[in-house]
Amino acid sequence: MTAVGTLGYIAPEIVHAGRVTEKADVYSFGVLAMEIACRRKPIDPSNMICSRLADWVWLHHQKGSITEALDPVILLPPRGHALRDDKDVSEFQQLDKWQCVLQLGLLCCQEDPDARPDMSEVHQALKSQTVMPPPSSWDVYSIRNSGTTKRPDGTLAPCPASSSSVSFSYSSQHAR
């Protein structure tokens, strides 16, 4: 079976086992939700530690700063709208709403399809703005460009006799 889709949105079970389920769509929705909230692409090959957006959001969650993953512009009032007197309450409510989106995105992007919520649960959580508990553990993937080498100053340079193929590596990081 050949899986076709956009890199970063394809669920792991499709890539690894060629298995397509309803939960694959849930995975893609989670990526999209985090992409909107963070204003980042789902895959960033230049980030050697944390190339997937979901991993980057997870690391913020682990540090206790999930809302720092948000695009700061998303919290600004729309153009032409005056700030309200209860600005602090409004910002706090906005952070809660976006924390709901980020944590829901993490739940949707779990590697195990059975651990992901159903779309009806996703819809209900968004509708009620319920902050669902994030996953208890996470598998972090990194992308290394095998066609580069690290210079003494830490920057990357192309390897002269190497192809520019991308390789994937896996490491497991579990929350405690």
N, C-alpha and C. Protein backbone atom coordinates (compact mmCIF):
# COMPACT_ATOMS: atom_id res chain seq x y z
N MET A 1 0.84 -1.18 0.00
CA MET A 1 0.00 0.00 0.00
C MET A 1 0.88 1.24 0.00
N THR A 2 0.50 2.23 -0.76
CA THR A 2 1.20 3.50 -0.79
C THR A 2 0.33 4.54 -0.12
N ALA A 3 0.89 5.19 0.90
CA ALA A 3 0.17 6.25 1.60
C ALA A 3 0.53 7.58 0.98
N VAL A 4 -0.48 8.40 0.73
CA VAL A 4 -0.27 9.70 0.15
C VAL A 4 -0.83 10.73 1.11
N GLY A 5 -0.09 11.79 1.32
CA GLY A 5 -0.54 12.85 2.21
C GLY A 5 0.55 13.88 2.39
N THR A 6 0.26 14.88 3.17
CA THR A 6 1.22 15.95 3.41
C THR A 6 2.05 15.61 4.64
N LEU A 7 3.37 15.67 4.48
CA LEU A 7 4.28 15.39 5.57
C LEU A 7 3.94 16.26 6.77
N GLY A 8 3.86 15.64 7.92
CA GLY A 8 3.53 16.36 9.14
C GLY A 8 2.10 16.14 9.57
N TYR A 9 1.23 15.86 8.60
CA TYR A 9 -0.19 15.64 8.90
C TYR A 9 -0.56 14.16 8.87
N ILE A 10 0.31 13.33 8.33
CA ILE A 10 0.01 11.91 8.18
C ILE A 10 0.23 11.21 9.52
N ALA A 11 -0.76 10.46 9.96
CA ALA A 11 -0.68 9.74 11.23
C ALA A 11 0.38 8.65 11.17
N PRO A 12 1.06 8.39 12.28
CA PRO A 12 2.13 7.39 12.30
C PRO A 12 1.69 6.00 11.84
N GLU A 13 0.47 5.60 12.16
CA GLU A 13 0.03 4.25 11.77
C GLU A 13 -0.09 4.10 10.26
N ILE A 14 -0.32 5.18 9.56
CA ILE A 14 -0.37 5.13 8.10
C ILE A 14 1.04 4.95 7.56
N VAL A 15 1.97 5.71 8.11
CA VAL A 15 3.36 5.66 7.65
C VAL A 15 4.00 4.31 7.97
N HIS A 16 3.81 3.83 9.20
CA HIS A 16 4.50 2.62 9.65
C HIS A 16 3.82 1.32 9.26
N ALA A 17 2.48 1.32 9.23
CA ALA A 17 1.78 0.06 8.99
C ALA A 17 0.82 0.11 7.80
N GLY A 18 0.66 1.28 7.19
CA GLY A 18 -0.27 1.41 6.08
C GLY A 18 -1.72 1.26 6.52
N ARG A 19 -1.99 1.46 7.81
CA ARG A 19 -3.32 1.28 8.37
C ARG A 19 -4.04 2.62 8.46
N VAL A 20 -5.18 2.76 7.79
CA VAL A 20 -5.95 3.99 7.80
C VAL A 20 -7.21 3.77 8.64
N THR A 21 -7.41 4.64 9.62
CA THR A 21 -8.59 4.58 10.48
C THR A 21 -9.17 5.98 10.65
N GLU A 22 -10.31 6.07 11.33
CA GLU A 22 -10.89 7.37 11.65
C GLU A 22 -9.92 8.20 12.49
N LYS A 23 -9.15 7.52 13.31
CA LYS A 23 -8.23 8.21 14.22
C LYS A 23 -7.08 8.88 13.46
N ALA A 24 -6.85 8.50 12.21
CA ALA A 24 -5.84 9.18 11.40
C ALA A 24 -6.28 10.62 11.12
N ASP A 25 -7.58 10.81 10.91
CA ASP A 25 -8.11 12.16 10.72
C ASP A 25 -8.01 12.98 12.00
N VAL A 26 -8.19 12.32 13.14
CA VAL A 26 -8.06 13.00 14.43
C VAL A 26 -6.62 13.51 14.58
N TYR A 27 -5.66 12.68 14.19
CA TYR A 27 -4.25 13.07 14.24
C TYR A 27 -4.02 14.33 13.40
N SER A 28 -4.50 14.31 12.17
CA SER A 28 -4.32 15.45 11.27
C SER A 28 -4.98 16.71 11.83
N PHE A 29 -6.15 16.55 12.44
CA PHE A 29 -6.83 17.70 13.05
C PHE A 29 -5.98 18.27 14.18
N GLY A 30 -5.38 17.41 14.99
CA GLY A 30 -4.54 17.87 16.09
C GLY A 30 -3.36 18.69 15.60
N VAL A 31 -2.74 18.23 14.51
CA VAL A 31 -1.62 18.97 13.91
C VAL A 31 -2.11 20.34 13.44
N LEU A 32 -3.24 20.37 12.75
CA LEU A 32 -3.79 21.62 12.24
C LEU A 32 -4.12 22.58 13.39
N ALA A 33 -4.72 22.09 14.46
CA ALA A 33 -5.06 22.94 15.60
C ALA A 33 -3.81 23.58 16.20
N MET A 34 -2.75 22.79 16.36
CA MET A 34 -1.51 23.33 16.93
C MET A 34 -0.83 24.28 15.95
N GLU A 35 -0.93 23.99 14.66
CA GLU A 35 -0.34 24.87 13.64
C GLU A 35 -1.00 26.25 13.69
N ILE A 36 -2.30 26.29 13.84
CA ILE A 36 -3.03 27.57 13.94
C ILE A 36 -2.65 28.30 15.23
N ALA A 37 -2.63 27.58 16.35
CA ALA A 37 -2.35 28.20 17.65
C ALA A 37 -0.91 28.72 17.75
N CYS A 38 0.02 28.01 17.16
CA CYS A 38 1.44 28.36 17.30
C CYS A 38 1.99 29.15 16.12
N ARG A 39 1.26 29.12 15.01
CA ARG A 39 1.70 29.74 13.75
C ARG A 39 3.07 29.21 13.34
N ARG A 40 3.18 27.89 13.37
CA ARG A 40 4.39 27.19 12.95
C ARG A 40 4.00 26.06 12.02
N LYS A 41 4.93 25.67 11.17
CA LYS A 41 4.69 24.54 10.27
C LYS A 41 4.75 23.24 11.06
N PRO A 42 4.05 22.20 10.58
CA PRO A 42 4.03 20.93 11.31
C PRO A 42 5.40 20.24 11.39
N ILE A 43 6.26 20.50 10.41
CA ILE A 43 7.61 19.93 10.39
C ILE A 43 8.60 21.07 10.17
N ASP A 44 9.63 21.11 11.03
CA ASP A 44 10.69 22.11 10.88
C ASP A 44 12.02 21.39 10.83
N PRO A 45 12.51 21.06 9.61
CA PRO A 45 13.76 20.30 9.49
C PRO A 45 14.97 21.04 10.06
N SER A 46 14.87 22.37 10.23
CA SER A 46 16.01 23.11 10.77
C SER A 46 16.13 22.94 12.28
N ASN A 47 15.09 22.46 12.94
CA ASN A 47 15.13 22.24 14.38
C ASN A 47 15.59 20.81 14.63
N MET A 48 16.85 20.64 14.98
CA MET A 48 17.45 19.32 15.09
C MET A 48 16.96 18.55 16.32
N ILE A 49 16.51 19.23 17.34
CA ILE A 49 16.08 18.58 18.57
C ILE A 49 14.61 18.20 18.49
N CYS A 50 13.82 19.06 17.93
CA CYS A 50 12.38 18.92 18.00
C CYS A 50 11.77 19.34 16.67
N SER A 51 11.85 18.49 15.66
CA SER A 51 11.44 18.88 14.32
C SER A 51 9.93 18.88 14.11
N ARG A 52 9.19 18.07 14.88
CA ARG A 52 7.73 18.05 14.73
C ARG A 52 7.10 19.09 15.66
N LEU A 53 6.11 19.80 15.17
CA LEU A 53 5.39 20.80 15.97
C LEU A 53 4.82 20.17 17.23
N ALA A 54 4.23 18.99 17.12
CA ALA A 54 3.64 18.34 18.29
C ALA A 54 4.70 18.08 19.37
N ASP A 55 5.91 17.71 18.97
CA ASP A 55 6.99 17.49 19.93
C ASP A 55 7.37 18.80 20.62
N TRP A 56 7.41 19.88 19.84
CA TRP A 56 7.76 21.19 20.38
C TRP A 56 6.73 21.64 21.41
N VAL A 57 5.44 21.44 21.11
CA VAL A 57 4.37 21.79 22.06
C VAL A 57 4.47 20.90 23.29
N TRP A 58 4.76 19.60 23.09
CA TRP A 58 4.91 18.68 24.22
C TRP A 58 6.04 19.14 25.15
N LEU A 59 7.15 19.54 24.59
CA LEU A 59 8.26 19.99 25.44
C LEU A 59 7.89 21.22 26.24
N HIS A 60 7.11 22.13 25.65
CA HIS A 60 6.60 23.28 26.41
C HIS A 60 5.68 22.80 27.54
N HIS A 61 4.84 21.83 27.24
CA HIS A 61 3.96 21.27 28.26
C HIS A 61 4.78 20.68 29.42
N GLN A 62 5.81 19.91 29.08
CA GLN A 62 6.65 19.29 30.10
C GLN A 62 7.31 20.34 31.00
N LYS A 63 7.66 21.48 30.44
CA LYS A 63 8.29 22.55 31.22
C LYS A 63 7.25 23.34 32.02
N GLY A 64 5.96 23.03 31.84
CA GLY A 64 4.91 23.76 32.54
C GLY A 64 4.59 25.09 31.88
N SER A 65 4.93 25.22 30.60
CA SER A 65 4.74 26.49 29.90
C SER A 65 4.09 26.28 28.54
N ILE A 66 3.05 25.47 28.49
CA ILE A 66 2.43 25.14 27.20
C ILE A 66 1.94 26.38 26.46
N THR A 67 1.46 27.39 27.20
CA THR A 67 0.95 28.58 26.54
C THR A 67 2.07 29.43 25.93
N GLU A 68 3.32 29.18 26.30
CA GLU A 68 4.44 29.87 25.66
C GLU A 68 4.65 29.38 24.22
N ALA A 69 4.04 28.27 23.88
CA ALA A 69 4.11 27.77 22.50
C ALA A 69 3.18 28.56 21.58
N LEU A 70 2.25 29.30 22.15
CA LEU A 70 1.30 30.08 21.34
C LEU A 70 1.99 31.19 20.57
N ASP A 71 1.45 31.48 19.41
CA ASP A 71 1.87 32.65 18.65
C ASP A 71 1.39 33.87 19.45
N PRO A 72 2.28 34.76 19.86
CA PRO A 72 1.85 35.90 20.68
C PRO A 72 0.81 36.79 19.99
N VAL A 73 0.82 36.82 18.67
CA VAL A 73 -0.13 37.65 17.93
C VAL A 73 -1.56 37.17 18.14
N ILE A 74 -1.72 35.89 18.43
CA ILE A 74 -3.06 35.32 18.55
C ILE A 74 -3.82 35.90 19.75
N LEU A 75 -3.09 36.44 20.72
CA LEU A 75 -3.72 37.00 21.92
C LEU A 75 -4.06 38.48 21.78
N LEU A 76 -3.61 39.11 20.70
CA LEU A 76 -3.90 40.53 20.49
C LEU A 76 -5.35 40.70 20.05
N PRO A 77 -5.97 41.83 20.44
CA PRO A 77 -7.35 42.07 19.96
C PRO A 77 -7.34 42.32 18.46
N PRO A 78 -8.43 41.99 17.78
CA PRO A 78 -8.51 42.25 16.34
C PRO A 78 -8.35 43.73 16.05
N ARG A 79 -7.82 44.06 14.88
CA ARG A 79 -7.65 45.47 14.50
C ARG A 79 -8.98 46.19 14.56
N GLY A 80 -8.91 47.44 15.03
CA GLY A 80 -10.13 48.26 15.07
C GLY A 80 -10.96 48.06 16.32
N HIS A 81 -10.61 47.09 17.16
CA HIS A 81 -11.35 46.86 18.39
C HIS A 81 -10.57 47.46 19.56
N ALA A 82 -11.23 48.27 20.35
CA ALA A 82 -10.59 48.87 21.52
C ALA A 82 -10.42 47.81 22.60
N LEU A 83 -9.36 47.96 23.41
CA LEU A 83 -9.17 47.06 24.53
C LEU A 83 -10.26 47.31 25.57
N ARG A 84 -10.74 46.25 26.18
CA ARG A 84 -11.78 46.39 27.21
C ARG A 84 -11.14 46.73 28.54
N ASP A 85 -11.96 47.23 29.48
CA ASP A 85 -11.46 47.58 30.81
C ASP A 85 -10.99 46.35 31.56
N ASP A 86 -11.63 45.20 31.33
CA ASP A 86 -11.26 43.98 32.04
C ASP A 86 -10.21 43.20 31.25
N LYS A 87 -9.19 43.93 30.78
CA LYS A 87 -8.17 43.36 29.90
C LYS A 87 -7.51 42.13 30.52
N ASP A 88 -7.17 42.18 31.82
CA ASP A 88 -6.49 41.06 32.47
C ASP A 88 -7.35 39.80 32.46
N VAL A 89 -8.64 39.96 32.77
CA VAL A 89 -9.55 38.81 32.75
C VAL A 89 -9.67 38.27 31.33
N SER A 90 -9.78 39.17 30.37
CA SER A 90 -9.92 38.77 28.98
C SER A 90 -8.70 37.98 28.52
N GLU A 91 -7.48 38.45 28.85
CA GLU A 91 -6.26 37.74 28.47
C GLU A 91 -6.20 36.37 29.14
N PHE A 92 -6.61 36.32 30.39
CA PHE A 92 -6.60 35.05 31.12
C PHE A 92 -7.57 34.06 30.46
N GLN A 93 -8.74 34.53 30.08
CA GLN A 93 -9.72 33.68 29.41
C GLN A 93 -9.19 33.22 28.05
N GLN A 94 -8.53 34.11 27.33
CA GLN A 94 -7.94 33.75 26.04
C GLN A 94 -6.89 32.66 26.22
N LEU A 95 -6.03 32.79 27.22
CA LEU A 95 -5.00 31.78 27.48
C LEU A 95 -5.64 30.43 27.79
N ASP A 96 -6.71 30.44 28.57
CA ASP A 96 -7.41 29.18 28.88
C ASP A 96 -7.95 28.53 27.61
N LYS A 97 -8.55 29.32 26.73
CA LYS A 97 -9.10 28.78 25.48
C LYS A 97 -8.00 28.16 24.63
N TRP A 98 -6.88 28.87 24.51
CA TRP A 98 -5.79 28.36 23.66
C TRP A 98 -5.06 27.20 24.32
N GLN A 99 -5.02 27.18 25.67
CA GLN A 99 -4.45 26.01 26.35
C GLN A 99 -5.30 24.78 26.04
N CYS A 100 -6.60 24.96 25.99
CA CYS A 100 -7.52 23.88 25.61
C CYS A 100 -7.17 23.37 24.22
N VAL A 101 -6.93 24.28 23.28
CA VAL A 101 -6.60 23.90 21.90
C VAL A 101 -5.28 23.12 21.86
N LEU A 102 -4.26 23.63 22.55
CA LEU A 102 -2.94 22.98 22.52
C LEU A 102 -2.98 21.58 23.16
N GLN A 103 -3.61 21.47 24.31
CA GLN A 103 -3.67 20.17 24.98
C GLN A 103 -4.52 19.18 24.19
N LEU A 104 -5.57 19.68 23.57
CA LEU A 104 -6.39 18.83 22.71
C LEU A 104 -5.57 18.39 21.50
N GLY A 105 -4.77 19.30 20.95
CA GLY A 105 -3.89 18.96 19.84
C GLY A 105 -2.93 17.84 20.21
N LEU A 106 -2.37 17.91 21.41
CA LEU A 106 -1.47 16.85 21.88
C LEU A 106 -2.21 15.52 22.00
N LEU A 107 -3.41 15.56 22.56
CA LEU A 107 -4.19 14.32 22.68
C LEU A 107 -4.47 13.71 21.31
N CYS A 108 -4.78 14.56 20.35
CA CYS A 108 -5.09 14.09 19.00
C CYS A 108 -3.86 13.52 18.29
N CYS A 109 -2.67 13.96 18.69
CA CYS A 109 -1.45 13.56 17.99
C CYS A 109 -0.68 12.44 18.70
N GLN A 110 -1.31 11.76 19.62
CA GLN A 110 -0.63 10.64 20.25
C GLN A 110 -0.33 9.56 19.21
N GLU A 111 0.78 8.87 19.41
CA GLU A 111 1.18 7.86 18.44
C GLU A 111 0.18 6.71 18.37
N ASP A 112 -0.33 6.30 19.51
CA ASP A 112 -1.29 5.19 19.56
C ASP A 112 -2.68 5.70 19.17
N PRO A 113 -3.23 5.24 18.05
CA PRO A 113 -4.54 5.73 17.61
C PRO A 113 -5.65 5.48 18.64
N ASP A 114 -5.54 4.39 19.40
CA ASP A 114 -6.57 4.08 20.39
C ASP A 114 -6.56 5.07 21.55
N ALA A 115 -5.44 5.76 21.76
CA ALA A 115 -5.34 6.73 22.85
C ALA A 115 -5.90 8.10 22.44
N ARG A 116 -6.11 8.30 21.14
CA ARG A 116 -6.64 9.57 20.67
C ARG A 116 -8.15 9.66 20.92
N PRO A 117 -8.65 10.87 21.18
CA PRO A 117 -10.10 11.01 21.35
C PRO A 117 -10.83 10.82 20.02
N ASP A 118 -12.12 10.56 20.08
CA ASP A 118 -12.96 10.55 18.87
C ASP A 118 -13.24 11.99 18.48
N MET A 119 -13.60 12.21 17.22
CA MET A 119 -13.91 13.58 16.78
C MET A 119 -15.10 14.16 17.53
N SER A 120 -16.03 13.31 17.97
CA SER A 120 -17.15 13.84 18.76
C SER A 120 -16.66 14.37 20.11
N GLU A 121 -15.65 13.72 20.69
CA GLU A 121 -15.06 14.22 21.95
C GLU A 121 -14.29 15.50 21.71
N VAL A 122 -13.60 15.58 20.58
CA VAL A 122 -12.86 16.79 20.21
C VAL A 122 -13.85 17.95 20.06
N HIS A 123 -14.92 17.70 19.34
CA HIS A 123 -15.95 18.73 19.12
C HIS A 123 -16.52 19.20 20.44
N GLN A 124 -16.86 18.28 21.32
CA GLN A 124 -17.44 18.64 22.62
C GLN A 124 -16.45 19.45 23.46
N ALA A 125 -15.18 19.05 23.47
CA ALA A 125 -14.16 19.77 24.26
C ALA A 125 -13.99 21.20 23.74
N LEU A 126 -13.99 21.37 22.43
CA LEU A 126 -13.85 22.71 21.85
C LEU A 126 -15.10 23.55 22.11
N LYS A 127 -16.23 22.93 21.99
CA LYS A 127 -17.50 23.65 22.19
C LYS A 127 -17.63 24.13 23.64
N SER A 128 -17.25 23.29 24.58
CA SER A 128 -17.38 23.64 25.99
C SER A 128 -16.10 24.29 26.54
N GLN A 129 -15.06 24.38 25.70
CA GLN A 129 -13.76 24.92 26.07
C GLN A 129 -13.19 24.20 27.30
N THR A 130 -13.33 22.90 27.28
CA THR A 130 -12.83 22.05 28.35
C THR A 130 -11.36 21.77 28.13
N VAL A 131 -10.55 22.03 29.13
CA VAL A 131 -9.12 21.71 29.05
C VAL A 131 -8.98 20.25 29.45
N MET A 132 -8.74 19.40 28.46
CA MET A 132 -8.60 17.97 28.71
C MET A 132 -7.17 17.69 29.18
N PRO A 133 -7.00 16.69 30.02
CA PRO A 133 -5.64 16.38 30.48
C PRO A 133 -4.79 15.91 29.30
N PRO A 134 -3.55 16.39 29.24
CA PRO A 134 -2.67 15.99 28.14
C PRO A 134 -2.22 14.55 28.31
N PRO A 135 -1.60 13.99 27.30
CA PRO A 135 -1.09 12.62 27.42
C PRO A 135 -0.08 12.51 28.57
N SER A 136 0.05 11.32 29.14
CA SER A 136 0.98 11.13 30.25
C SER A 136 2.39 10.85 29.77
N SER A 137 2.55 10.45 28.51
CA SER A 137 3.89 10.22 27.97
C SER A 137 3.89 10.61 26.49
N TRP A 138 5.09 10.71 25.93
CA TRP A 138 5.22 11.19 24.56
C TRP A 138 6.48 10.62 23.94
N ASP A 139 6.42 10.28 22.67
CA ASP A 139 7.59 9.83 21.93
C ASP A 139 8.05 10.98 21.04
N VAL A 140 9.27 11.43 21.24
CA VAL A 140 9.81 12.56 20.49
C VAL A 140 10.64 12.05 19.32
N TYR A 141 10.36 12.57 18.13
CA TYR A 141 11.11 12.22 16.93
C TYR A 141 11.96 13.42 16.53
N SER A 142 13.11 13.17 15.97
CA SER A 142 13.91 14.27 15.45
C SER A 142 14.32 13.94 14.02
N ILE A 143 14.49 14.97 13.24
CA ILE A 143 14.94 14.80 11.85
C ILE A 143 16.36 15.33 11.78
N ARG A 144 17.23 14.52 11.26
CA ARG A 144 18.61 14.95 11.03
C ARG A 144 18.85 14.94 9.53
N ASN A 145 19.43 15.97 9.04
CA ASN A 145 19.77 15.99 7.63
C ASN A 145 21.12 15.31 7.50
N SER A 146 21.13 14.13 6.90
CA SER A 146 22.37 13.37 6.79
C SER A 146 23.33 13.98 5.79
N GLY A 147 22.90 15.00 5.07
CA GLY A 147 23.77 15.66 4.11
C GLY A 147 24.46 16.88 4.69
N THR A 148 24.48 17.00 6.03
CA THR A 148 25.14 18.14 6.65
C THR A 148 26.13 17.67 7.69
N THR A 149 27.03 18.57 8.01
CA THR A 149 27.99 18.34 9.08
C THR A 149 28.01 19.59 9.96
N LYS A 150 28.34 19.41 11.23
CA LYS A 150 28.37 20.54 12.14
C LYS A 150 29.75 21.20 12.11
N ARG A 151 29.75 22.52 11.92
CA ARG A 151 30.99 23.29 11.94
C ARG A 151 31.41 23.53 13.39
N PRO A 152 32.67 23.94 13.63
CA PRO A 152 33.12 24.22 15.00
C PRO A 152 32.29 25.29 15.71
N ASP A 153 31.72 26.24 14.94
CA ASP A 153 30.91 27.29 15.56
C ASP A 153 29.47 26.85 15.81
N GLY A 154 29.14 25.58 15.51
CA GLY A 154 27.81 25.05 15.76
C GLY A 154 26.84 25.15 14.60
N THR A 155 27.20 25.87 13.54
CA THR A 155 26.31 25.97 12.39
C THR A 155 26.46 24.74 11.51
N LEU A 156 25.49 24.50 10.64
CA LEU A 156 25.52 23.34 9.75
C LEU A 156 26.07 23.72 8.39
N ALA A 157 26.81 22.80 7.80
CA ALA A 157 27.35 22.99 6.46
C ALA A 157 27.10 21.74 5.65
N PRO A 158 26.90 21.85 4.34
CA PRO A 158 26.68 20.65 3.52
C PRO A 158 27.91 19.76 3.53
N CYS A 159 27.69 18.47 3.57
CA CYS A 159 28.79 17.51 3.45
C CYS A 159 29.17 17.43 1.98
N PRO A 160 30.44 17.54 1.66
CA PRO A 160 30.83 17.56 0.25
C PRO A 160 30.52 16.28 -0.50
N ALA A 161 30.68 15.12 0.11
CA ALA A 161 30.49 13.86 -0.62
C ALA A 161 29.28 13.11 -0.14
N SER A 162 28.23 13.82 0.20
CA SER A 162 27.05 13.17 0.76
C SER A 162 25.80 13.63 0.05
N SER A 163 24.81 12.78 0.06
CA SER A 163 23.52 13.18 -0.51
C SER A 163 22.79 14.04 0.52
N SER A 164 21.74 14.66 0.11
CA SER A 164 20.98 15.49 1.04
C SER A 164 19.70 14.80 1.47
N SER A 165 19.77 13.48 1.65
CA SER A 165 18.57 12.76 2.08
C SER A 165 18.30 13.05 3.55
N VAL A 166 17.05 12.94 3.93
CA VAL A 166 16.64 13.18 5.31
C VAL A 166 16.45 11.85 5.99
N SER A 167 16.99 11.72 7.20
CA SER A 167 16.80 10.49 7.95
C SER A 167 16.00 10.80 9.21
N PHE A 168 15.27 9.82 9.70
CA PHE A 168 14.46 9.99 10.89
C PHE A 168 15.08 9.19 12.02
N SER A 169 15.09 9.75 13.22
CA SER A 169 15.55 9.01 14.38
C SER A 169 14.50 9.08 15.45
N TYR A 170 14.56 8.19 16.41
CA TYR A 170 13.52 8.06 17.41
C TYR A 170 14.15 8.03 18.79
N SER A 171 13.57 8.76 19.72
CA SER A 171 13.95 8.63 21.12
C SER A 171 12.68 8.78 21.95
N SER A 172 12.63 8.09 23.03
CA SER A 172 11.43 8.12 23.86
C SER A 172 11.68 9.00 25.07
N GLN A 173 10.78 9.94 25.32
CA GLN A 173 10.82 10.77 26.52
C GLN A 173 9.48 10.64 27.20
N HIS A 174 9.50 10.20 28.42
CA HIS A 174 8.24 10.03 29.15
C HIS A 174 8.13 11.06 30.27
N ALA A 175 6.94 11.58 30.45
CA ALA A 175 6.68 12.52 31.54
C ALA A 175 6.70 11.76 32.84
N ARG A 176 7.12 12.42 33.86
CA ARG A 176 7.16 11.78 35.19
C ARG A 176 6.22 12.50 36.12
